[in-house]
PDB file of N, CA and C in Angstrom:
ATOM      1  N   MET A   1     -15.923  54.491 -25.777  1.00  0.00           N
ATOM      2  CA  MET A   1     -16.835  53.671 -25.017  1.00  0.00           C
ATOM      3  C   MET A   1     -16.256  53.482 -23.623  1.00  0.00           C
ATOM      4  N   GLN A   2     -17.064  53.741 -22.637  1.00  0.00           N
ATOM      5  CA  GLN A   2     -16.602  53.663 -21.261  1.00  0.00           C
ATOM      6  C   GLN A   2     -17.596  52.812 -20.472  1.00  0.00           C
ATOM      7  N   PHE A   3     -17.052  51.898 -19.705  1.00  0.00           N
ATOM      8  CA  PHE A   3     -17.898  50.990 -18.935  1.00  0.00           C
ATOM      9  C   PHE A   3     -18.136  51.463 -17.511  1.00  0.00           C
ATOM     10  N   GLY A   4     -17.422  52.351 -17.064  1.00  0.00           N
ATOM     11  CA  GLY A   4     -17.611  52.840 -15.702  1.00  0.00           C
ATOM     12  C   GLY A   4     -16.664  52.155 -14.732  1.00  0.00           C
ATOM     13  N   TYR A   5     -16.625  52.698 -13.580  1.00  0.00           N
ATOM     14  CA  TYR A   5     -15.718  52.215 -12.562  1.00  0.00           C
ATOM     15  C   TYR A   5     -16.463  51.248 -11.645  1.00  0.00           C
ATOM     16  N   VAL A   6     -15.923  50.026 -11.465  1.00  0.00           N
ATOM     17  CA  VAL A   6     -16.532  49.038 -10.589  1.00  0.00           C
ATOM     18  C   VAL A   6     -15.521  48.686  -9.511  1.00  0.00           C
ATOM     19  N   LYS A   7     -15.932  48.793  -8.290  1.00  0.00           N
ATOM     20  CA  LYS A   7     -15.048  48.472  -7.171  1.00  0.00           C
ATOM     21  C   LYS A   7     -15.398  47.071  -6.671  1.00  0.00           C
ATOM     22  N   PHE A   8     -14.387  46.253  -6.482  1.00  0.00           N
ATOM     23  CA  PHE A   8     -14.570  44.879  -6.021  1.00  0.00           C
ATOM     24  C   PHE A   8     -14.704  44.866  -4.504  1.00  0.00           C
ATOM     25  N   HIS A   9     -15.763  44.185  -4.028  1.00  0.00           N
ATOM     26  CA  HIS A   9     -15.974  44.019  -2.587  1.00  0.00           C
ATOM     27  C   HIS A   9     -15.927  42.530  -2.279  1.00  0.00           C
ATOM     28  N   PHE A  10     -14.937  42.105  -1.533  1.00  0.00           N
ATOM     29  CA  PHE A  10     -14.817  40.693  -1.159  1.00  0.00           C
ATOM     30  C   PHE A  10     -15.888  40.359  -0.130  1.00  0.00           C
ATOM     31  N   ARG A  11     -16.586  39.208  -0.370  1.00  0.00           N
ATOM     32  CA  ARG A  11     -17.607  38.735   0.566  1.00  0.00           C
ATOM     33  C   ARG A  11     -17.370  37.258   0.832  1.00  0.00           C
ATOM     34  N   TRP A  12     -17.459  36.874   2.086  1.00  0.00           N
ATOM     35  CA  TRP A  12     -17.180  35.489   2.484  1.00  0.00           C
ATOM     36  C   TRP A  12     -18.266  34.513   2.040  1.00  0.00           C
ATOM     37  N   VAL A  13     -19.502  34.878   2.127  1.00  0.00           N
ATOM     38  CA  VAL A  13     -20.598  33.941   1.843  1.00  0.00           C
ATOM     39  C   VAL A  13     -20.551  33.442   0.399  1.00  0.00           C
ATOM     40  N   PRO A  14     -20.487  34.298  -0.602  1.00  0.00           N
ATOM     41  CA  PRO A  14     -20.412  33.766  -1.970  1.00  0.00           C
ATOM     42  C   PRO A  14     -19.138  32.956  -2.212  1.00  0.00           C
ATOM     43  N   THR A  15     -18.046  33.388  -1.590  1.00  0.00           N
ATOM     44  CA  THR A  15     -16.782  32.657  -1.757  1.00  0.00           C
ATOM     45  C   THR A  15     -16.901  31.250  -1.189  1.00  0.00           C
ATOM     46  N   LEU A  16     -17.463  31.116   0.009  1.00  0.00           N
ATOM     47  CA  LEU A  16     -17.631  29.793   0.618  1.00  0.00           C
ATOM     48  C   LEU A  16     -18.624  28.936  -0.166  1.00  0.00           C
ATOM     49  N   LEU A  17     -19.700  29.544  -0.667  1.00  0.00           N
ATOM     50  CA  LEU A  17     -20.664  28.781  -1.459  1.00  0.00           C
ATOM     51  C   LEU A  17     -20.034  28.237  -2.736  1.00  0.00           C
ATOM     52  N   LEU A  18     -19.124  28.966  -3.309  1.00  0.00           N
ATOM     53  CA  LEU A  18     -18.438  28.485  -4.509  1.00  0.00           C
ATOM     54  C   LEU A  18     -17.350  27.482  -4.178  1.00  0.00           C
ATOM     55  N   ALA A  19     -16.741  27.583  -2.980  1.00  0.00           N
ATOM     56  CA  ALA A  19     -15.646  26.687  -2.611  1.00  0.00           C
ATOM     57  C   ALA A  19     -16.134  25.354  -2.056  1.00  0.00           C
ATOM     58  N   LEU A  20     -17.344  25.305  -1.532  1.00  0.00           N
ATOM     59  CA  LEU A  20     -17.847  24.068  -0.926  1.00  0.00           C
ATOM     60  C   LEU A  20     -17.897  22.876  -1.894  1.00  0.00           C
ATOM     61  N   PRO A  21     -18.350  23.013  -3.119  1.00  0.00           N
ATOM     62  CA  PRO A  21     -18.422  21.831  -3.994  1.00  0.00           C
ATOM     63  C   PRO A  21     -17.081  21.394  -4.591  1.00  0.00           C
ATOM     64  N   ILE A  22     -16.019  22.131  -4.368  1.00  0.00           N
ATOM     65  CA  ILE A  22     -14.726  21.766  -4.960  1.00  0.00           C
ATOM     66  C   ILE A  22     -14.277  20.366  -4.559  1.00  0.00           C
ATOM     67  N   PRO A  23     -14.325  19.968  -3.268  1.00  0.00           N
ATOM     68  CA  PRO A  23     -13.930  18.589  -2.926  1.00  0.00           C
ATOM     69  C   PRO A  23     -14.800  17.538  -3.623  1.00  0.00           C
ATOM     70  N   LEU A  24     -16.087  17.831  -3.783  1.00  0.00           N
ATOM     71  CA  LEU A  24     -16.966  16.908  -4.496  1.00  0.00           C
ATOM     72  C   LEU A  24     -16.516  16.744  -5.944  1.00  0.00           C
ATOM     73  N   PHE A  25     -16.198  17.833  -6.602  1.00  0.00           N
ATOM     74  CA  PHE A  25     -15.765  17.772  -7.998  1.00  0.00           C
ATOM     75  C   PHE A  25     -14.436  17.041  -8.135  1.00  0.00           C
ATOM     76  N   VAL A  26     -13.539  17.244  -7.188  1.00  0.00           N
ATOM     77  CA  VAL A  26     -12.255  16.530  -7.213  1.00  0.00           C
ATOM     78  C   VAL A  26     -12.493  15.033  -7.026  1.00  0.00           C
ATOM     79  N   ALA A  27     -13.369  14.671  -6.080  1.00  0.00           N
ATOM     80  CA  ALA A  27     -13.679  13.255  -5.859  1.00  0.00           C
ATOM     81  C   ALA A  27     -14.309  12.630  -7.099  1.00  0.00           C
ATOM     82  N   LEU A  28     -15.201  13.356  -7.760  1.00  0.00           N
ATOM     83  CA  LEU A  28     -15.818  12.840  -8.989  1.00  0.00           C
ATOM     84  C   LEU A  28     -14.786  12.677 -10.104  1.00  0.00           C
ATOM     85  N   GLY A  29     -13.834  13.582 -10.173  1.00  0.00           N
ATOM     86  CA  GLY A  29     -12.772  13.455 -11.172  1.00  0.00           C
ATOM     87  C   GLY A  29     -11.912  12.230 -10.921  1.00  0.00           C
ATOM     88  N   VAL A  30     -11.564  11.981  -9.656  1.00  0.00           N
ATOM     89  CA  VAL A  30     -10.769  10.795  -9.302  1.00  0.00           C
ATOM     90  C   VAL A  30     -11.562   9.530  -9.625  1.00  0.00           C
ATOM     91  N   TRP A  31     -12.874   9.564  -9.344  1.00  0.00           N
ATOM     92  CA  TRP A  31     -13.717   8.415  -9.653  1.00  0.00           C
ATOM     93  C   TRP A  31     -13.733   8.143 -11.158  1.00  0.00           C
ATOM     94  N   GLN A  32     -13.810   9.189 -11.969  1.00  0.00           N
ATOM     95  CA  GLN A  32     -13.803   9.017 -13.422  1.00  0.00           C
ATOM     96  C   GLN A  32     -12.481   8.424 -13.909  1.00  0.00           C
ATOM     97  N   ILE A  33     -11.387   8.861 -13.324  1.00  0.00           N
ATOM     98  CA  ILE A  33     -10.079   8.302 -13.697  1.00  0.00           C
ATOM     99  C   ILE A  33     -10.024   6.822 -13.342  1.00  0.00           C
ATOM    100  N   ASP A  34     -10.554   6.461 -12.171  1.00  0.00           N
ATOM    101  CA  ASP A  34     -10.582   5.053 -11.760  1.00  0.00           C
ATOM    102  C   ASP A  34     -11.461   4.229 -12.696  1.00  0.00           C
ATOM    103  N   ARG A  35     -12.623   4.755 -13.079  1.00  0.00           N
ATOM    104  CA  ARG A  35     -13.503   4.037 -14.013  1.00  0.00           C
ATOM    105  C   ARG A  35     -12.824   3.837 -15.367  1.00  0.00           C
ATOM    106  N   ALA A  36     -12.094   4.848 -15.816  1.00  0.00           N
ATOM    107  CA  ALA A  36     -11.378   4.716 -17.094  1.00  0.00           C
ATOM    108  C   ALA A  36     -10.350   3.597 -17.007  1.00  0.00           C
ATOM    109  N   GLU A  37      -9.662   3.488 -15.885  1.00  0.00           N
ATOM    110  CA  GLU A  37      -8.678   2.405 -15.715  1.00  0.00           C
ATOM    111  C   GLU A  37      -9.367   1.041 -15.677  1.00  0.00           C
ATOM    112  N   GLN A  38     -10.518   0.964 -15.040  1.00  0.00           N
ATOM    113  CA  GLN A  38     -11.286  -0.289 -15.026  1.00  0.00           C
ATOM    114  C   GLN A  38     -11.696  -0.681 -16.442  1.00  0.00           C
ATOM    115  N   LYS A  39     -12.127   0.283 -17.232  1.00  0.00           N
ATOM    116  CA  LYS A  39     -12.529   0.003 -18.615  1.00  0.00           C
ATOM    117  C   LYS A  39     -11.343  -0.463 -19.455  1.00  0.00           C
ATOM    118  N   ARG A  40     -10.175   0.163 -19.250  1.00  0.00           N
ATOM    119  CA  ARG A  40      -8.979  -0.268 -19.984  1.00  0.00           C
ATOM    120  C   ARG A  40      -8.624  -1.718 -19.632  1.00  0.00           C
ATOM    121  N   GLU A  41      -8.709  -2.049 -18.348  1.00  0.00           N
ATOM    122  CA  GLU A  41      -8.411  -3.420 -17.910  1.00  0.00           C
ATOM    123  C   GLU A  41      -9.425  -4.397 -18.502  1.00  0.00           C
ATOM    124  N   GLN A  42     -10.688  -4.017 -18.517  1.00  0.00           N
ATOM    125  CA  GLN A  42     -11.716  -4.873 -19.091  1.00  0.00           C
ATOM    126  C   GLN A  42     -11.466  -5.099 -20.588  1.00  0.00           C
ATOM    127  N   MET A  43     -11.090  -4.061 -21.306  1.00  0.00           N
ATOM    128  CA  MET A  43     -10.798  -4.198 -22.733  1.00  0.00           C
ATOM    129  C   MET A  43      -9.565  -5.073 -22.963  1.00  0.00           C
ATOM    130  N   ARG A  44      -8.579  -4.973 -22.077  1.00  0.00           N
ATOM    131  CA  ARG A  44      -7.389  -5.808 -22.201  1.00  0.00           C
ATOM    132  C   ARG A  44      -7.761  -7.288 -22.032  1.00  0.00           C
ATOM    133  N   VAL A  45      -8.560  -7.591 -20.989  1.00  0.00           N
ATOM    134  CA  VAL A  45      -8.986  -8.971 -20.744  1.00  0.00           C
ATOM    135  C   VAL A  45      -9.852  -9.463 -21.895  1.00  0.00           C
ATOM    136  N   LEU A  46     -10.762  -8.611 -22.390  1.00  0.00           N
ATOM    137  CA  LEU A  46     -11.624  -8.991 -23.504  1.00  0.00           C
ATOM    138  C   LEU A  46     -10.796  -9.331 -24.735  1.00  0.00           C
ATOM    139  N   GLY A  47      -9.784  -8.528 -25.021  1.00  0.00           N
ATOM    140  CA  GLY A  47      -8.928  -8.790 -26.178  1.00  0.00           C
ATOM    141  C   GLY A  47      -8.146 -10.087 -26.040  1.00  0.00           C
ATOM    142  N   GLU A  48      -7.614 -10.333 -24.840  1.00  0.00           N
ATOM    143  CA  GLU A  48      -6.851 -11.570 -24.615  1.00  0.00           C
ATOM    144  C   GLU A  48      -7.736 -12.800 -24.760  1.00  0.00           C
ATOM    145  N   ARG A  49      -8.920 -12.755 -24.147  1.00  0.00           N
ATOM    146  CA  ARG A  49      -9.796 -13.934 -24.168  1.00  0.00           C
ATOM    147  C   ARG A  49     -10.458 -14.146 -25.520  1.00  0.00           C
ATOM    148  N   ALA A  50     -10.619 -13.096 -26.293  1.00  0.00           N
ATOM    149  CA  ALA A  50     -11.196 -13.249 -27.632  1.00  0.00           C
ATOM    150  C   ALA A  50     -10.239 -14.000 -28.550  1.00  0.00           C
ATOM    151  N   GLU A  51      -8.951 -13.920 -28.265  1.00  0.00           N
ATOM    152  CA  GLU A  51      -7.953 -14.616 -29.080  1.00  0.00           C
ATOM    153  C   GLU A  51      -7.863 -16.106 -28.755  1.00  0.00           C
ATOM    154  N   LEU A  52      -8.357 -16.523 -27.592  1.00  0.00           N
ATOM    155  CA  LEU A  52      -8.277 -17.928 -27.191  1.00  0.00           C
ATOM    156  C   LEU A  52      -9.237 -18.767 -28.027  1.00  0.00           C
ATOM    157  N   PRO A  53      -8.918 -20.031 -28.234  1.00  0.00           N
ATOM    158  CA  PRO A  53      -9.841 -20.891 -28.984  1.00  0.00           C
ATOM    159  C   PRO A  53     -11.119 -21.141 -28.181  1.00  0.00           C
ATOM    160  N   ALA A  54     -12.184 -21.515 -28.870  1.00  0.00           N
ATOM    161  CA  ALA A  54     -13.465 -21.772 -28.216  1.00  0.00           C
ATOM    162  C   ALA A  54     -13.330 -22.927 -27.229  1.00  0.00           C
ATOM    163  N   LEU A  55     -13.968 -22.770 -26.082  1.00  0.00           N
ATOM    164  CA  LEU A  55     -13.933 -23.766 -25.017  1.00  0.00           C
ATOM    165  C   LEU A  55     -15.149 -24.672 -25.168  1.00  0.00           C
ATOM    166  N   GLU A  56     -14.939 -25.968 -25.093  1.00  0.00           N
ATOM    167  CA  GLU A  56     -16.043 -26.927 -25.182  1.00  0.00           C
ATOM    168  C   GLU A  56     -16.770 -26.960 -23.842  1.00  0.00           C
ATOM    169  N   PHE A  57     -18.049 -26.596 -23.847  1.00  0.00           N
ATOM    170  CA  PHE A  57     -18.853 -26.554 -22.626  1.00  0.00           C
ATOM    171  C   PHE A  57     -19.555 -27.890 -22.466  1.00  0.00           C
ATOM    172  N   ARG A  58     -19.310 -28.576 -21.333  1.00  0.00           N
ATOM    173  CA  ARG A  58     -19.898 -29.900 -21.136  1.00  0.00           C
ATOM    174  C   ARG A  58     -20.748 -30.003 -19.880  1.00  0.00           C
ATOM    175  N   GLY A  59     -20.739 -28.985 -19.048  1.00  0.00           N
ATOM    176  CA  GLY A  59     -21.532 -29.047 -17.821  1.00  0.00           C
ATOM    177  C   GLY A  59     -21.125 -27.950 -16.865  1.00  0.00           C
ATOM    178  N   PRO A  60     -21.475 -28.132 -15.592  1.00  0.00           N
ATOM    179  CA  PRO A  60     -21.180 -27.086 -14.603  1.00  0.00           C
ATOM    180  C   PRO A  60     -19.690 -26.736 -14.550  1.00  0.00           C
ATOM    181  N   ILE A  61     -19.423 -25.461 -14.379  1.00  0.00           N
ATOM    182  CA  ILE A  61     -18.055 -24.948 -14.318  1.00  0.00           C
ATOM    183  C   ILE A  61     -17.790 -24.497 -12.886  1.00  0.00           C
ATOM    184  N   ALA A  62     -16.652 -24.892 -12.340  1.00  0.00           N
ATOM    185  CA  ALA A  62     -16.311 -24.527 -10.962  1.00  0.00           C
ATOM    186  C   ALA A  62     -16.066 -23.028 -10.828  1.00  0.00           C
ATOM    187  N   ASP A  63     -15.416 -22.425 -11.820  1.00  0.00           N
ATOM    188  CA  ASP A  63     -15.088 -20.998 -11.761  1.00  0.00           C
ATOM    189  C   ASP A  63     -15.726 -20.278 -12.949  1.00  0.00           C
ATOM    190  N   PRO A  64     -16.966 -19.779 -12.778  1.00  0.00           N
ATOM    191  CA  PRO A  64     -17.636 -19.129 -13.916  1.00  0.00           C
ATOM    192  C   PRO A  64     -16.922 -17.868 -14.391  1.00  0.00           C
ATOM    193  N   GLU A  65     -16.138 -17.223 -13.538  1.00  0.00           N
ATOM    194  CA  GLU A  65     -15.409 -16.018 -13.944  1.00  0.00           C
ATOM    195  C   GLU A  65     -14.411 -16.335 -15.051  1.00  0.00           C
ATOM    196  N   SER A  66     -13.920 -17.572 -15.094  1.00  0.00           N
ATOM    197  CA  SER A  66     -12.959 -17.950 -16.133  1.00  0.00           C
ATOM    198  C   SER A  66     -13.616 -17.976 -17.521  1.00  0.00           C
ATOM    199  N   LEU A  67     -14.949 -18.020 -17.562  1.00  0.00           N
ATOM    200  CA  LEU A  67     -15.663 -18.039 -18.854  1.00  0.00           C
ATOM    201  C   LEU A  67     -15.987 -16.645 -19.373  1.00  0.00           C
ATOM    202  N   ARG A  68     -15.770 -15.642 -18.561  1.00  0.00           N
ATOM    203  CA  ARG A  68     -16.126 -14.282 -18.963  1.00  0.00           C
ATOM    204  C   ARG A  68     -15.350 -13.877 -20.219  1.00  0.00           C
ATOM    205  N   PHE A  69     -16.075 -13.416 -21.219  1.00  0.00           N
ATOM    206  CA  PHE A  69     -15.526 -12.968 -22.509  1.00  0.00           C
ATOM    207  C   PHE A  69     -14.908 -14.122 -23.314  1.00  0.00           C
ATOM    208  N   ARG A  70     -15.192 -15.353 -22.960  1.00  0.00           N
ATOM    209  CA  ARG A  70     -14.652 -16.490 -23.712  1.00  0.00           C
ATOM    210  C   ARG A  70     -15.674 -16.959 -24.737  1.00  0.00           C
ATOM    211  N   LYS A  71     -15.173 -17.490 -25.839  1.00  0.00           N
ATOM    212  CA  LYS A  71     -16.035 -18.143 -26.810  1.00  0.00           C
ATOM    213  C   LYS A  71     -16.289 -19.552 -26.289  1.00  0.00           C
ATOM    214  N   LEU A  72     -17.551 -19.991 -26.377  1.00  0.00           N
ATOM    215  CA  LEU A  72     -17.917 -21.329 -25.920  1.00  0.00           C
ATOM    216  C   LEU A  72     -18.547 -22.094 -27.068  1.00  0.00           C
ATOM    217  N   ARG A  73     -18.375 -23.392 -27.005  1.00  0.00           N
ATOM    218  CA  ARG A  73     -19.036 -24.286 -27.955  1.00  0.00           C
ATOM    219  C   ARG A  73     -19.762 -25.333 -27.123  1.00  0.00           C
ATOM    220  N   ALA A  74     -21.054 -25.499 -27.394  1.00  0.00           N
ATOM    221  CA  ALA A  74     -21.847 -26.478 -26.657  1.00  0.00           C
ATOM    222  C   ALA A  74     -22.668 -27.283 -27.648  1.00  0.00           C
ATOM    223  N   ARG A  75     -22.832 -28.555 -27.343  1.00  0.00           N
ATOM    224  CA  ARG A  75     -23.636 -29.439 -28.186  1.00  0.00           C
ATOM    225  C   ARG A  75     -24.778 -29.979 -27.344  1.00  0.00           C
ATOM    226  N   GLY A  76     -25.964 -30.000 -27.933  1.00  0.00           N
ATOM    227  CA  GLY A  76     -27.125 -30.493 -27.216  1.00  0.00           C
ATOM    228  C   GLY A  76     -28.385 -30.215 -28.002  1.00  0.00           C
ATOM    229  N   THR A  77     -29.515 -30.224 -27.292  1.00  0.00           N
ATOM    230  CA  THR A  77     -30.797 -30.002 -27.941  1.00  0.00           C
ATOM    231  C   THR A  77     -31.501 -28.817 -27.276  1.00  0.00           C
ATOM    232  N   PHE A  78     -32.142 -27.995 -28.115  1.00  0.00           N
ATOM    233  CA  PHE A  78     -32.913 -26.875 -27.608  1.00  0.00           C
ATOM    234  C   PHE A  78     -34.223 -27.378 -27.029  1.00  0.00           C
ATOM    235  N   GLU A  79     -34.641 -26.792 -25.928  1.00  0.00           N
ATOM    236  CA  GLU A  79     -35.918 -27.133 -25.298  1.00  0.00           C
ATOM    237  C   GLU A  79     -36.879 -25.971 -25.503  1.00  0.00           C
ATOM    238  N   ALA A  80     -37.716 -26.085 -26.514  1.00  0.00           N
ATOM    239  CA  ALA A  80     -38.610 -24.992 -26.894  1.00  0.00           C
ATOM    240  C   ALA A  80     -39.628 -24.672 -25.806  1.00  0.00           C
ATOM    241  N   ALA A  81     -39.934 -25.631 -24.936  1.00  0.00           N
ATOM    242  CA  ALA A  81     -40.928 -25.391 -23.892  1.00  0.00           C
ATOM    243  C   ALA A  81     -40.453 -24.320 -22.910  1.00  0.00           C
ATOM    244  N   GLY A  82     -39.164 -24.159 -22.739  1.00  0.00           N
ATOM    245  CA  GLY A  82     -38.642 -23.171 -21.815  1.00  0.00           C
ATOM    246  C   GLY A  82     -38.261 -21.860 -22.468  1.00  0.00           C
ATOM    247  N   GLN A  83     -38.590 -21.698 -23.732  1.00  0.00           N
ATOM    248  CA  GLN A  83     -38.185 -20.515 -24.491  1.00  0.00           C
ATOM    249  C   GLN A  83     -38.937 -19.270 -24.022  1.00  0.00           C
ATOM    250  N   ILE A  84     -38.227 -18.133 -23.947  1.00  0.00           N
ATOM    251  CA  ILE A  84     -38.870 -16.863 -23.596  1.00  0.00           C
ATOM    252  C   ILE A  84     -38.470 -15.813 -24.633  1.00  0.00           C
ATOM    253  N   LEU A  85     -39.325 -14.821 -24.783  1.00  0.00           N
ATOM    254  CA  LEU A  85     -39.070 -13.708 -25.697  1.00  0.00           C
ATOM    255  C   LEU A  85     -38.909 -12.434 -24.869  1.00  0.00           C
ATOM    256  N   ILE A  86     -37.910 -11.673 -25.188  1.00  0.00           N
ATOM    257  CA  ILE A  86     -37.720 -10.370 -24.565  1.00  0.00           C
ATOM    258  C   ILE A  86     -37.991  -9.341 -25.656  1.00  0.00           C
ATOM    259  N   ALA A  87     -39.089  -8.599 -25.483  1.00  0.00           N
ATOM    260  CA  ALA A  87     -39.569  -7.690 -26.532  1.00  0.00           C
ATOM    261  C   ALA A  87     -38.865  -6.342 -26.477  1.00  0.00           C
ATOM    262  N   ASN A  88     -39.009  -5.618 -27.574  1.00  0.00           N
ATOM    263  CA  ASN A  88     -38.531  -4.235 -27.714  1.00  0.00           C
ATOM    264  C   ASN A  88     -37.031  -4.109 -27.482  1.00  0.00           C
ATOM    265  N   ARG A  89     -36.267  -4.957 -28.097  1.00  0.00           N
ATOM    266  CA  ARG A  89     -34.810  -4.885 -28.025  1.00  0.00           C
ATOM    267  C   ARG A  89     -34.315  -4.232 -29.304  1.00  0.00           C
ATOM    268  N   ARG A  90     -33.410  -3.297 -29.167  1.00  0.00           N
ATOM    269  CA  ARG A  90     -32.900  -2.557 -30.317  1.00  0.00           C
ATOM    270  C   ARG A  90     -31.511  -3.073 -30.675  1.00  0.00           C
ATOM    271  N   GLN A  91     -31.292  -3.273 -31.945  1.00  0.00           N
ATOM    272  CA  GLN A  91     -29.977  -3.614 -32.472  1.00  0.00           C
ATOM    273  C   GLN A  91     -29.773  -2.754 -33.710  1.00  0.00           C
ATOM    274  N   GLY A  92     -28.895  -1.777 -33.573  1.00  0.00           N
ATOM    275  CA  GLY A  92     -28.728  -0.818 -34.652  1.00  0.00           C
ATOM    276  C   GLY A  92     -29.987   0.026 -34.756  1.00  0.00           C
ATOM    277  N   ASN A  93     -30.574   0.087 -35.944  1.00  0.00           N
ATOM    278  CA  ASN A  93     -31.804   0.852 -36.151  1.00  0.00           C
ATOM    279  C   ASN A  93     -33.043  -0.027 -36.164  1.00  0.00           C
ATOM    280  N   ARG A  94     -32.879  -1.294 -35.831  1.00  0.00           N
ATOM    281  CA  ARG A  94     -34.001  -2.229 -35.899  1.00  0.00           C
ATOM    282  C   ARG A  94     -34.465  -2.605 -34.505  1.00  0.00           C
ATOM    283  N   ILE A  95     -35.779  -2.711 -34.345  1.00  0.00           N
ATOM    284  CA  ILE A  95     -36.367  -3.127 -33.073  1.00  0.00           C
ATOM    285  C   ILE A  95     -36.941  -4.518 -33.275  1.00  0.00           C
ATOM    286  N   GLY A  96     -36.706  -5.393 -32.288  1.00  0.00           N
ATOM    287  CA  GLY A  96     -37.200  -6.758 -32.416  1.00  0.00           C
ATOM    288  C   GLY A  96     -37.241  -7.454 -31.071  1.00  0.00           C
ATOM    289  N   PHE A  97     -36.951  -8.745 -31.091  1.00  0.00           N
ATOM    290  CA  PHE A  97     -37.012  -9.595 -29.905  1.00  0.00           C
ATOM    291  C   PHE A  97     -35.665 -10.262 -29.672  1.00  0.00           C
ATOM    292  N   HIS A  98     -35.418 -10.601 -28.423  1.00  0.00           N
ATOM    293  CA  HIS A  98     -34.370 -11.557 -28.109  1.00  0.00           C
ATOM    294  C   HIS A  98     -35.085 -12.859 -27.793  1.00  0.00           C
ATOM    295  N   VAL A  99     -34.652 -13.929 -28.408  1.00  0.00           N
ATOM    296  CA  VAL A  99     -35.240 -15.239 -28.179  1.00  0.00           C
ATOM    297  C   VAL A  99     -34.252 -16.013 -27.317  1.00  0.00           C
ATOM    298  N   ILE A 100     -34.637 -16.304 -26.072  1.00  0.00           N
ATOM    299  CA  ILE A 100     -33.783 -17.010 -25.121  1.00  0.00           C
ATOM    300  C   ILE A 100     -34.320 -18.429 -24.992  1.00  0.00           C
ATOM    301  N   THR A 101     -33.480 -19.404 -25.334  1.00  0.00           N
ATOM    302  CA  THR A 101     -33.891 -20.801 -25.335  1.00  0.00           C
ATOM    303  C   THR A 101     -32.909 -21.630 -24.517  1.00  0.00           C
ATOM    304  N   PRO A 102     -33.408 -22.492 -23.626  1.00  0.00           N
ATOM    305  CA  PRO A 102     -32.499 -23.379 -22.904  1.00  0.00           C
ATOM    306  C   PRO A 102     -31.935 -24.459 -23.842  1.00  0.00           C
ATOM    307  N   LEU A 103     -30.655 -24.698 -23.715  1.00  0.00           N
ATOM    308  CA  LEU A 103     -29.983 -25.753 -24.477  1.00  0.00           C
ATOM    309  C   LEU A 103     -29.547 -26.810 -23.475  1.00  0.00           C
ATOM    310  N   ARG A 104     -30.101 -28.020 -23.622  1.00  0.00           N
ATOM    311  CA  ARG A 104     -29.701 -29.132 -22.753  1.00  0.00           C
ATOM    312  C   ARG A 104     -28.415 -29.717 -23.307  1.00  0.00           C
ATOM    313  N   ILE A 105     -27.377 -29.689 -22.485  1.00  0.00           N
ATOM    314  CA  ILE A 105     -26.059 -30.161 -22.904  1.00  0.00           C
ATOM    315  C   ILE A 105     -26.101 -31.670 -23.099  1.00  0.00           C
ATOM    316  N   ARG A 106     -25.568 -32.125 -24.218  1.00  0.00           N
ATOM    317  CA  ARG A 106     -25.543 -33.541 -24.563  1.00  0.00           C
ATOM    318  C   ARG A 106     -24.772 -34.323 -23.492  1.00  0.00           C
ATOM    319  N   GLY A 107     -25.377 -35.409 -23.007  1.00  0.00           N
ATOM    320  CA  GLY A 107     -24.734 -36.269 -22.019  1.00  0.00           C
ATOM    321  C   GLY A 107     -24.753 -35.702 -20.609  1.00  0.00           C
ATOM    322  N   SER A 108     -25.641 -34.742 -20.341  1.00  0.00           N
ATOM    323  CA  SER A 108     -25.674 -34.093 -19.041  1.00  0.00           C
ATOM    324  C   SER A 108     -27.081 -33.598 -18.764  1.00  0.00           C
ATOM    325  N   ASP A 109     -27.376 -33.323 -17.501  1.00  0.00           N
ATOM    326  CA  ASP A 109     -28.648 -32.697 -17.149  1.00  0.00           C
ATOM    327  C   ASP A 109     -28.519 -31.177 -17.087  1.00  0.00           C
ATOM    328  N   SER A 110     -27.348 -30.658 -17.421  1.00  0.00           N
ATOM    329  CA  SER A 110     -27.104 -29.218 -17.386  1.00  0.00           C
ATOM    330  C   SER A 110     -27.771 -28.529 -18.567  1.00  0.00           C
ATOM    331  N   ARG A 111     -28.190 -27.320 -18.304  1.00  0.00           N
ATOM    332  CA  ARG A 111     -28.762 -26.489 -19.355  1.00  0.00           C
ATOM    333  C   ARG A 111     -28.088 -25.141 -19.344  1.00  0.00           C
ATOM    334  N   VAL A 112     -28.048 -24.540 -20.512  1.00  0.00           N
ATOM    335  CA  VAL A 112     -27.477 -23.209 -20.644  1.00  0.00           C
ATOM    336  C   VAL A 112     -28.440 -22.388 -21.475  1.00  0.00           C
ATOM    337  N   LEU A 113     -28.620 -21.098 -21.123  1.00  0.00           N
ATOM    338  CA  LEU A 113     -29.520 -20.234 -21.869  1.00  0.00           C
ATOM    339  C   LEU A 113     -28.781 -19.647 -23.057  1.00  0.00           C
ATOM    340  N   VAL A 114     -29.393 -19.741 -24.221  1.00  0.00           N
ATOM    341  CA  VAL A 114     -28.784 -19.251 -25.461  1.00  0.00           C
ATOM    342  C   VAL A 114     -29.663 -18.143 -26.015  1.00  0.00           C
ATOM    343  N   ASN A 115     -29.058 -17.004 -26.302  1.00  0.00           N
ATOM    344  CA  ASN A 115     -29.754 -15.904 -26.966  1.00  0.00           C
ATOM    345  C   ASN A 115     -29.646 -16.158 -28.461  1.00  0.00           C
ATOM    346  N   ARG A 116     -30.728 -16.631 -29.044  1.00  0.00           N
ATOM    347  CA  ARG A 116     -30.700 -17.017 -30.454  1.00  0.00           C
ATOM    348  C   ARG A 116     -31.003 -15.832 -31.334  1.00  0.00           C
TER     349      ARG A 116
END
């Protein structure tokens, strides 16, 4: 079986067209590495804060970032008049609703939205 003789001819145009996207691909690779590091940091913070005991929520918080990934405990009454439904939400293989209800914090005029 013989394939024949093929002579290679170097051409600048195809070479440049193939070389042009290389910096873009390198930049995208660096971006992916940075995103992976951000995700690792987020998982580390999530793990640390999940171990902390639940925080008693009593009203406005000066630094809401401190509540991120924290367990909260709040006492109060649900206000059904402000309740909203978010339709077509999937959880696993089931489709349903998210029921969002304002909870008026006991001893305060503050409210917090609870996904029931």
